[in-house]
Amino acid sequence: MRAVIQRVSHASVTIEGQVKSSIEKGLLILLGCENADTIEDIEWLSKKICGLRIFDDENHVMNKSIIDVDGDIIVVSQFTLWASYKKGNRPSYLRAGSHEITLPLYEQFCKTLETNLGKKVGTGEFGADMKVELLNDGPVTICMDTKNKE
């Protein structure tokens, strides 16, 4: 499971001209799943994201988590995080998980994140053509892969 976590001042997801989710201060997470991902990957990644101390404290030091600042989260499915670019110039997405396996993983990740965060998480729509807007705050962008936990 791969995630790109961006600290944002605001973010939104629009599908066919309709805003599906929007947040102010918080995190926009792009999530890519592969067939080998498990519930353990979901639990580790969710806990790690909720504990990330990437928000400023009163001394302007990144020392607070999303929970500490009562921020919001949007999670957007992003199969292109599994792009392989080693051969030629057209990326291959063979490692991206199949719809049948990754849709339940995405949905479970969002539910687990809601439990850990203590509130509703905004989403995109799995497999849809989405327009994602954000104002990256910092900028702060962190990439995580559950296969590289150490």
N, C-alpha and C. Protein backbone atom coordinates (compact mmCIF):
# COMPACT_ATOMS: atom_id res chain seq x y z
N MET A 1 0.86 -1.16 0.00
CA MET A 1 0.00 0.00 0.00
C MET A 1 0.90 1.22 0.00
N ARG A 2 0.61 2.14 -0.89
CA ARG A 2 1.39 3.37 -0.99
C ARG A 2 0.50 4.56 -0.76
N ALA A 3 1.06 5.57 -0.09
CA ALA A 3 0.31 6.79 0.17
C ALA A 3 1.20 8.00 -0.02
N VAL A 4 0.62 9.02 -0.61
CA VAL A 4 1.23 10.34 -0.67
C VAL A 4 0.37 11.21 0.23
N ILE A 5 0.99 11.72 1.29
CA ILE A 5 0.27 12.48 2.32
C ILE A 5 0.68 13.94 2.19
N GLN A 6 -0.29 14.80 1.97
CA GLN A 6 -0.01 16.22 1.79
C GLN A 6 -0.73 17.03 2.84
N ARG A 7 0.01 17.88 3.55
CA ARG A 7 -0.60 18.80 4.50
C ARG A 7 -1.20 19.94 3.69
N VAL A 8 -2.47 20.22 3.92
CA VAL A 8 -3.18 21.21 3.10
C VAL A 8 -3.86 22.27 3.95
N SER A 9 -3.98 23.45 3.35
CA SER A 9 -4.81 24.51 3.94
C SER A 9 -6.26 24.29 3.57
N HIS A 10 -6.47 23.73 2.37
CA HIS A 10 -7.80 23.27 1.94
C HIS A 10 -7.63 22.32 0.77
N ALA A 11 -8.63 21.47 0.57
CA ALA A 11 -8.61 20.51 -0.54
C ALA A 11 -10.04 20.12 -0.87
N SER A 12 -10.24 19.69 -2.12
CA SER A 12 -11.56 19.22 -2.53
C SER A 12 -11.42 18.20 -3.66
N VAL A 13 -12.46 17.38 -3.80
CA VAL A 13 -12.56 16.40 -4.88
C VAL A 13 -13.89 16.66 -5.59
N THR A 14 -13.81 16.88 -6.91
CA THR A 14 -15.00 17.13 -7.72
C THR A 14 -15.13 16.03 -8.75
N ILE A 15 -16.35 15.52 -8.90
CA ILE A 15 -16.64 14.46 -9.87
C ILE A 15 -17.83 14.92 -10.70
N GLU A 16 -17.63 14.97 -12.01
CA GLU A 16 -18.67 15.41 -12.95
C GLU A 16 -19.29 16.75 -12.52
N GLY A 17 -18.44 17.68 -12.12
CA GLY A 17 -18.90 19.02 -11.76
C GLY A 17 -19.49 19.16 -10.38
N GLN A 18 -19.58 18.09 -9.61
CA GLN A 18 -20.15 18.12 -8.26
C GLN A 18 -19.05 17.87 -7.23
N VAL A 19 -18.99 18.73 -6.22
CA VAL A 19 -18.01 18.54 -5.15
C VAL A 19 -18.43 17.35 -4.30
N LYS A 20 -17.58 16.34 -4.26
CA LYS A 20 -17.86 15.13 -3.47
C LYS A 20 -17.38 15.31 -2.03
N SER A 21 -16.20 15.93 -1.85
CA SER A 21 -15.63 16.14 -0.52
C SER A 21 -14.82 17.42 -0.54
N SER A 22 -14.81 18.10 0.60
CA SER A 22 -13.93 19.26 0.74
C SER A 22 -13.57 19.42 2.21
N ILE A 23 -12.35 19.92 2.44
CA ILE A 23 -11.87 20.14 3.79
C ILE A 23 -11.12 21.45 3.86
N GLU A 24 -10.93 21.93 5.04
CA GLU A 24 -10.03 23.05 5.29
C GLU A 24 -8.72 22.43 5.79
N LYS A 25 -8.16 22.90 6.85
CA LYS A 25 -6.87 22.41 7.37
C LYS A 25 -6.89 20.91 7.60
N GLY A 26 -5.89 20.24 7.03
CA GLY A 26 -5.82 18.80 7.23
C GLY A 26 -4.88 18.11 6.28
N LEU A 27 -5.27 16.90 5.86
CA LEU A 27 -4.44 16.08 4.99
C LEU A 27 -5.22 15.60 3.78
N LEU A 28 -4.58 15.66 2.63
CA LEU A 28 -5.08 15.01 1.44
C LEU A 28 -4.18 13.79 1.23
N ILE A 29 -4.79 12.61 1.18
CA ILE A 29 -4.03 11.37 1.04
C ILE A 29 -4.39 10.72 -0.29
N LEU A 30 -3.38 10.50 -1.13
CA LEU A 30 -3.53 9.72 -2.34
C LEU A 30 -3.11 8.30 -1.98
N LEU A 31 -3.99 7.32 -2.22
CA LEU A 31 -3.76 5.95 -1.77
C LEU A 31 -3.77 4.98 -2.94
N GLY A 32 -2.68 4.21 -3.06
CA GLY A 32 -2.60 3.18 -4.08
C GLY A 32 -2.48 1.81 -3.43
N CYS A 33 -3.30 0.89 -3.87
CA CYS A 33 -3.30 -0.47 -3.30
C CYS A 33 -2.83 -1.47 -4.34
N GLU A 34 -2.24 -2.55 -3.85
CA GLU A 34 -1.87 -3.67 -4.72
C GLU A 34 -2.52 -4.94 -4.17
N ASN A 35 -2.55 -5.98 -4.97
CA ASN A 35 -3.23 -7.21 -4.56
C ASN A 35 -2.65 -7.83 -3.30
N ALA A 36 -1.37 -7.60 -3.02
CA ALA A 36 -0.71 -8.21 -1.86
C ALA A 36 -1.00 -7.48 -0.55
N ASP A 37 -1.70 -6.35 -0.59
CA ASP A 37 -1.97 -5.59 0.64
C ASP A 37 -2.93 -6.34 1.55
N THR A 38 -2.77 -6.10 2.86
CA THR A 38 -3.55 -6.82 3.86
C THR A 38 -4.13 -5.85 4.89
N ILE A 39 -4.93 -6.38 5.80
CA ILE A 39 -5.48 -5.59 6.89
C ILE A 39 -4.35 -5.04 7.77
N GLU A 40 -3.26 -5.77 7.89
CA GLU A 40 -2.11 -5.28 8.66
C GLU A 40 -1.53 -4.01 8.03
N ASP A 41 -1.48 -3.97 6.70
CA ASP A 41 -1.02 -2.77 6.01
C ASP A 41 -1.95 -1.59 6.30
N ILE A 42 -3.23 -1.84 6.26
CA ILE A 42 -4.24 -0.81 6.54
C ILE A 42 -4.06 -0.26 7.94
N GLU A 43 -3.97 -1.15 8.91
CA GLU A 43 -3.86 -0.72 10.31
C GLU A 43 -2.57 0.05 10.56
N TRP A 44 -1.44 -0.43 10.02
CA TRP A 44 -0.16 0.25 10.21
C TRP A 44 -0.19 1.65 9.60
N LEU A 45 -0.64 1.74 8.34
CA LEU A 45 -0.65 3.02 7.63
C LEU A 45 -1.59 4.02 8.28
N SER A 46 -2.75 3.58 8.68
CA SER A 46 -3.71 4.48 9.33
C SER A 46 -3.16 5.04 10.63
N LYS A 47 -2.60 4.16 11.44
CA LYS A 47 -2.03 4.59 12.72
C LYS A 47 -0.86 5.54 12.50
N LYS A 48 -0.01 5.23 11.52
CA LYS A 48 1.16 6.06 11.24
C LYS A 48 0.73 7.45 10.78
N ILE A 49 -0.26 7.52 9.90
CA ILE A 49 -0.74 8.81 9.40
C ILE A 49 -1.34 9.64 10.53
N CYS A 50 -2.16 9.03 11.37
CA CYS A 50 -2.79 9.77 12.47
C CYS A 50 -1.78 10.26 13.50
N GLY A 51 -0.65 9.59 13.59
CA GLY A 51 0.38 9.98 14.55
C GLY A 51 1.46 10.90 14.00
N LEU A 52 1.47 11.11 12.68
CA LEU A 52 2.50 11.96 12.07
C LEU A 52 2.47 13.36 12.66
N ARG A 53 3.59 13.80 13.16
CA ARG A 53 3.66 15.14 13.75
C ARG A 53 4.18 16.11 12.69
N ILE A 54 3.26 16.58 11.84
CA ILE A 54 3.63 17.46 10.73
C ILE A 54 2.87 18.78 10.75
N PHE A 55 2.22 19.07 11.86
CA PHE A 55 1.54 20.36 12.02
C PHE A 55 2.28 21.18 13.07
N ASP A 56 2.29 22.48 12.85
CA ASP A 56 3.05 23.37 13.73
C ASP A 56 2.45 23.51 15.11
N ASP A 57 3.32 23.58 16.11
CA ASP A 57 2.91 23.91 17.47
C ASP A 57 3.01 25.42 17.63
N GLU A 58 2.86 25.90 18.87
CA GLU A 58 2.89 27.34 19.14
C GLU A 58 4.25 27.97 18.84
N ASN A 59 5.29 27.17 18.72
CA ASN A 59 6.63 27.67 18.40
C ASN A 59 6.98 27.49 16.92
N HIS A 60 5.98 27.16 16.10
CA HIS A 60 6.16 26.96 14.66
C HIS A 60 7.10 25.80 14.36
N VAL A 61 7.04 24.78 15.21
CA VAL A 61 7.80 23.55 15.00
C VAL A 61 6.79 22.45 14.67
N MET A 62 7.09 21.65 13.64
CA MET A 62 6.19 20.55 13.29
C MET A 62 6.23 19.52 14.42
N ASN A 63 5.25 19.61 15.31
CA ASN A 63 5.26 18.79 16.51
C ASN A 63 3.86 18.28 16.86
N LYS A 64 2.86 18.56 16.02
CA LYS A 64 1.49 18.14 16.31
C LYS A 64 0.96 17.24 15.20
N SER A 65 0.08 16.33 15.60
CA SER A 65 -0.53 15.40 14.66
C SER A 65 -1.86 15.95 14.15
N ILE A 66 -2.43 15.28 13.17
CA ILE A 66 -3.74 15.63 12.64
C ILE A 66 -4.79 15.59 13.76
N ILE A 67 -4.64 14.68 14.69
CA ILE A 67 -5.57 14.59 15.82
C ILE A 67 -5.39 15.78 16.75
N ASP A 68 -4.14 16.16 17.02
CA ASP A 68 -3.85 17.29 17.91
C ASP A 68 -4.46 18.60 17.41
N VAL A 69 -4.48 18.79 16.08
CA VAL A 69 -4.98 20.05 15.51
C VAL A 69 -6.44 19.95 15.07
N ASP A 70 -7.09 18.80 15.34
CA ASP A 70 -8.48 18.56 14.96
C ASP A 70 -8.70 18.81 13.47
N GLY A 71 -7.73 18.34 12.66
CA GLY A 71 -7.80 18.52 11.22
C GLY A 71 -8.67 17.47 10.56
N ASP A 72 -8.92 17.68 9.29
CA ASP A 72 -9.74 16.77 8.49
C ASP A 72 -8.89 16.05 7.46
N ILE A 73 -9.45 15.00 6.88
CA ILE A 73 -8.72 14.19 5.90
C ILE A 73 -9.63 13.86 4.71
N ILE A 74 -9.04 13.91 3.52
CA ILE A 74 -9.67 13.35 2.32
C ILE A 74 -8.74 12.25 1.81
N VAL A 75 -9.32 11.11 1.43
CA VAL A 75 -8.56 9.99 0.86
C VAL A 75 -9.04 9.78 -0.58
N VAL A 76 -8.09 9.79 -1.51
CA VAL A 76 -8.39 9.61 -2.93
C VAL A 76 -7.65 8.39 -3.44
N SER A 77 -8.38 7.46 -4.07
CA SER A 77 -7.73 6.28 -4.64
C SER A 77 -6.87 6.72 -5.83
N GLN A 78 -5.67 6.11 -5.95
CA GLN A 78 -4.71 6.58 -6.95
C GLN A 78 -3.87 5.40 -7.42
N PHE A 79 -4.39 4.64 -8.40
CA PHE A 79 -3.67 3.46 -8.87
C PHE A 79 -2.34 3.82 -9.53
N THR A 80 -2.20 5.05 -10.00
CA THR A 80 -0.97 5.43 -10.70
C THR A 80 0.24 5.51 -9.77
N LEU A 81 0.02 5.43 -8.45
CA LEU A 81 1.16 5.37 -7.53
C LEU A 81 1.98 4.10 -7.74
N TRP A 82 1.39 3.12 -8.43
CA TRP A 82 2.09 1.86 -8.71
C TRP A 82 2.73 1.85 -10.10
N ALA A 83 2.87 3.01 -10.73
CA ALA A 83 3.47 3.08 -12.06
C ALA A 83 4.90 2.55 -12.06
N SER A 84 5.21 1.75 -13.05
CA SER A 84 6.59 1.32 -13.28
C SER A 84 7.06 2.06 -14.53
N TYR A 85 8.20 2.71 -14.41
CA TYR A 85 8.70 3.56 -15.50
C TYR A 85 10.08 3.10 -15.95
N LYS A 86 10.44 1.87 -15.61
CA LYS A 86 11.79 1.38 -15.89
C LYS A 86 12.02 1.09 -17.37
N LYS A 87 10.99 0.70 -18.08
CA LYS A 87 11.15 0.29 -19.47
C LYS A 87 10.32 1.22 -20.35
N GLY A 88 10.97 1.94 -21.21
CA GLY A 88 10.27 2.83 -22.13
C GLY A 88 9.72 4.07 -21.43
N ASN A 89 8.83 4.76 -22.13
CA ASN A 89 8.27 6.01 -21.62
C ASN A 89 6.79 5.92 -21.27
N ARG A 90 6.17 4.79 -21.53
CA ARG A 90 4.77 4.62 -21.16
C ARG A 90 4.74 3.80 -19.88
N PRO A 91 4.26 4.40 -18.76
CA PRO A 91 4.24 3.67 -17.50
C PRO A 91 3.39 2.40 -17.57
N SER A 92 3.82 1.41 -16.84
CA SER A 92 3.07 0.16 -16.69
C SER A 92 2.43 0.16 -15.30
N TYR A 93 1.22 -0.33 -15.23
CA TYR A 93 0.49 -0.36 -13.94
C TYR A 93 0.18 -1.79 -13.51
N LEU A 94 1.05 -2.73 -13.88
CA LEU A 94 0.80 -4.13 -13.57
C LEU A 94 0.73 -4.41 -12.07
N ARG A 95 1.46 -3.63 -11.26
CA ARG A 95 1.44 -3.87 -9.81
C ARG A 95 0.22 -3.28 -9.12
N ALA A 96 -0.47 -2.38 -9.80
CA ALA A 96 -1.69 -1.82 -9.22
C ALA A 96 -2.70 -2.96 -9.06
N GLY A 97 -3.35 -2.98 -7.92
CA GLY A 97 -4.27 -4.08 -7.63
C GLY A 97 -5.52 -4.07 -8.50
N SER A 98 -6.14 -5.23 -8.59
CA SER A 98 -7.39 -5.35 -9.35
C SER A 98 -8.52 -4.67 -8.58
N HIS A 99 -9.51 -4.22 -9.31
CA HIS A 99 -10.66 -3.53 -8.72
C HIS A 99 -11.32 -4.37 -7.63
N GLU A 100 -11.47 -5.66 -7.88
CA GLU A 100 -12.15 -6.55 -6.94
C GLU A 100 -11.45 -6.64 -5.59
N ILE A 101 -10.13 -6.53 -5.60
CA ILE A 101 -9.36 -6.64 -4.37
C ILE A 101 -9.14 -5.27 -3.73
N THR A 102 -8.82 -4.28 -4.55
CA THR A 102 -8.42 -2.99 -3.99
C THR A 102 -9.59 -2.11 -3.55
N LEU A 103 -10.75 -2.24 -4.14
CA LEU A 103 -11.90 -1.45 -3.67
C LEU A 103 -12.21 -1.75 -2.21
N PRO A 104 -12.33 -3.02 -1.80
CA PRO A 104 -12.55 -3.29 -0.37
C PRO A 104 -11.39 -2.81 0.51
N LEU A 105 -10.16 -2.89 0.02
CA LEU A 105 -9.02 -2.39 0.79
C LEU A 105 -9.13 -0.88 0.99
N TYR A 106 -9.45 -0.15 -0.05
CA TYR A 106 -9.64 1.30 0.02
C TYR A 106 -10.74 1.66 1.01
N GLU A 107 -11.88 0.98 0.90
CA GLU A 107 -13.00 1.25 1.80
C GLU A 107 -12.64 0.94 3.25
N GLN A 108 -11.94 -0.15 3.49
CA GLN A 108 -11.54 -0.51 4.85
C GLN A 108 -10.51 0.48 5.38
N PHE A 109 -9.61 0.94 4.54
CA PHE A 109 -8.64 1.94 4.97
C PHE A 109 -9.37 3.20 5.43
N CYS A 110 -10.34 3.66 4.67
CA CYS A 110 -11.10 4.86 5.05
C CYS A 110 -11.83 4.65 6.38
N LYS A 111 -12.43 3.49 6.59
CA LYS A 111 -13.12 3.19 7.85
C LYS A 111 -12.14 3.15 9.03
N THR A 112 -11.01 2.51 8.83
CA THR A 112 -9.99 2.43 9.89
C THR A 112 -9.46 3.81 10.22
N LEU A 113 -9.23 4.61 9.20
CA LEU A 113 -8.76 5.98 9.41
C LEU A 113 -9.80 6.79 10.19
N GLU A 114 -11.07 6.63 9.87
CA GLU A 114 -12.14 7.32 10.61
C GLU A 114 -12.14 6.92 12.08
N THR A 115 -11.95 5.66 12.35
CA THR A 115 -11.90 5.18 13.73
C THR A 115 -10.71 5.81 14.46
N ASN A 116 -9.54 5.79 13.84
CA ASN A 116 -8.35 6.34 14.47
C ASN A 116 -8.41 7.86 14.61
N LEU A 117 -9.02 8.53 13.65
CA LEU A 117 -9.13 9.98 13.66
C LEU A 117 -10.23 10.46 14.59
N GLY A 118 -11.27 9.63 14.72
CA GLY A 118 -12.40 10.00 15.58
C GLY A 118 -13.45 10.83 14.88
N LYS A 119 -13.42 10.85 13.55
CA LYS A 119 -14.44 11.57 12.79
C LYS A 119 -14.45 11.12 11.33
N LYS A 120 -15.45 11.55 10.61
CA LYS A 120 -15.64 11.19 9.21
C LYS A 120 -14.48 11.65 8.36
N VAL A 121 -14.14 10.81 7.38
CA VAL A 121 -13.08 11.10 6.42
C VAL A 121 -13.74 11.32 5.06
N GLY A 122 -13.34 12.38 4.36
CA GLY A 122 -13.84 12.61 3.01
C GLY A 122 -13.18 11.65 2.04
N THR A 123 -13.86 11.39 0.94
CA THR A 123 -13.33 10.47 -0.07
C THR A 123 -13.58 11.02 -1.46
N GLY A 124 -12.90 10.39 -2.39
CA GLY A 124 -13.23 10.55 -3.79
C GLY A 124 -14.19 9.43 -4.13
N GLU A 125 -14.15 8.98 -5.38
CA GLU A 125 -14.96 7.84 -5.79
C GLU A 125 -14.05 6.88 -6.53
N PHE A 126 -13.93 5.68 -6.01
CA PHE A 126 -13.01 4.68 -6.55
C PHE A 126 -13.27 4.51 -8.05
N GLY A 127 -12.23 4.69 -8.85
CA GLY A 127 -12.32 4.46 -10.29
C GLY A 127 -12.90 5.61 -11.10
N ALA A 128 -13.34 6.67 -10.45
CA ALA A 128 -13.95 7.80 -11.17
C ALA A 128 -12.88 8.74 -11.70
N ASP A 129 -13.26 9.56 -12.68
CA ASP A 129 -12.41 10.64 -13.16
C ASP A 129 -12.64 11.81 -12.20
N MET A 130 -11.65 12.10 -11.37
CA MET A 130 -11.80 13.11 -10.32
C MET A 130 -10.92 14.31 -10.60
N LYS A 131 -11.40 15.45 -10.20
CA LYS A 131 -10.62 16.68 -10.21
C LYS A 131 -10.29 16.99 -8.75
N VAL A 132 -9.00 16.95 -8.44
CA VAL A 132 -8.54 17.16 -7.06
C VAL A 132 -7.85 18.52 -6.99
N GLU A 133 -8.36 19.35 -6.11
CA GLU A 133 -7.74 20.66 -5.89
C GLU A 133 -7.21 20.73 -4.47
N LEU A 134 -6.04 21.38 -4.30
CA LEU A 134 -5.49 21.52 -2.96
C LEU A 134 -4.56 22.70 -2.90
N LEU A 135 -4.41 23.22 -1.72
CA LEU A 135 -3.37 24.20 -1.43
C LEU A 135 -2.45 23.53 -0.44
N ASN A 136 -1.30 23.05 -0.94
CA ASN A 136 -0.34 22.35 -0.10
C ASN A 136 0.26 23.37 0.85
N ASP A 137 0.21 23.06 2.14
CA ASP A 137 0.66 23.97 3.19
C ASP A 137 2.08 23.61 3.58
N GLY A 138 3.02 24.47 3.26
CA GLY A 138 4.41 24.26 3.66
C GLY A 138 5.39 24.54 2.54
N PRO A 139 5.45 23.73 1.50
CA PRO A 139 4.71 22.49 1.30
C PRO A 139 5.24 21.35 2.16
N VAL A 140 4.32 20.51 2.59
CA VAL A 140 4.66 19.29 3.32
C VAL A 140 4.04 18.13 2.57
N THR A 141 4.88 17.25 2.04
CA THR A 141 4.43 16.06 1.31
C THR A 141 5.30 14.89 1.74
N ILE A 142 4.64 13.81 2.17
CA ILE A 142 5.35 12.63 2.66
C ILE A 142 4.84 11.40 1.92
N CYS A 143 5.76 10.56 1.46
CA CYS A 143 5.39 9.32 0.78
C CYS A 143 5.65 8.15 1.71
N MET A 144 4.68 7.24 1.76
CA MET A 144 4.82 6.04 2.60
C MET A 144 4.48 4.80 1.79
N ASP A 145 5.16 3.72 2.10
CA ASP A 145 4.91 2.44 1.47
C ASP A 145 4.92 1.40 2.60
N THR A 146 3.85 0.66 2.75
CA THR A 146 3.76 -0.30 3.85
C THR A 146 4.75 -1.45 3.71
N LYS A 147 5.35 -1.59 2.55
CA LYS A 147 6.36 -2.63 2.37
C LYS A 147 7.74 -2.15 2.80
N ASN A 148 7.85 -0.87 3.16
CA ASN A 148 9.11 -0.28 3.64
C ASN A 148 8.87 0.34 5.01
N LYS A 149 8.49 -0.45 5.97
CA LYS A 149 8.14 0.06 7.30
C LYS A 149 9.36 0.43 8.14
N GLU A 150 10.49 -0.10 7.81
CA GLU A 150 11.67 0.14 8.63
C GLU A 150 12.61 1.13 8.00
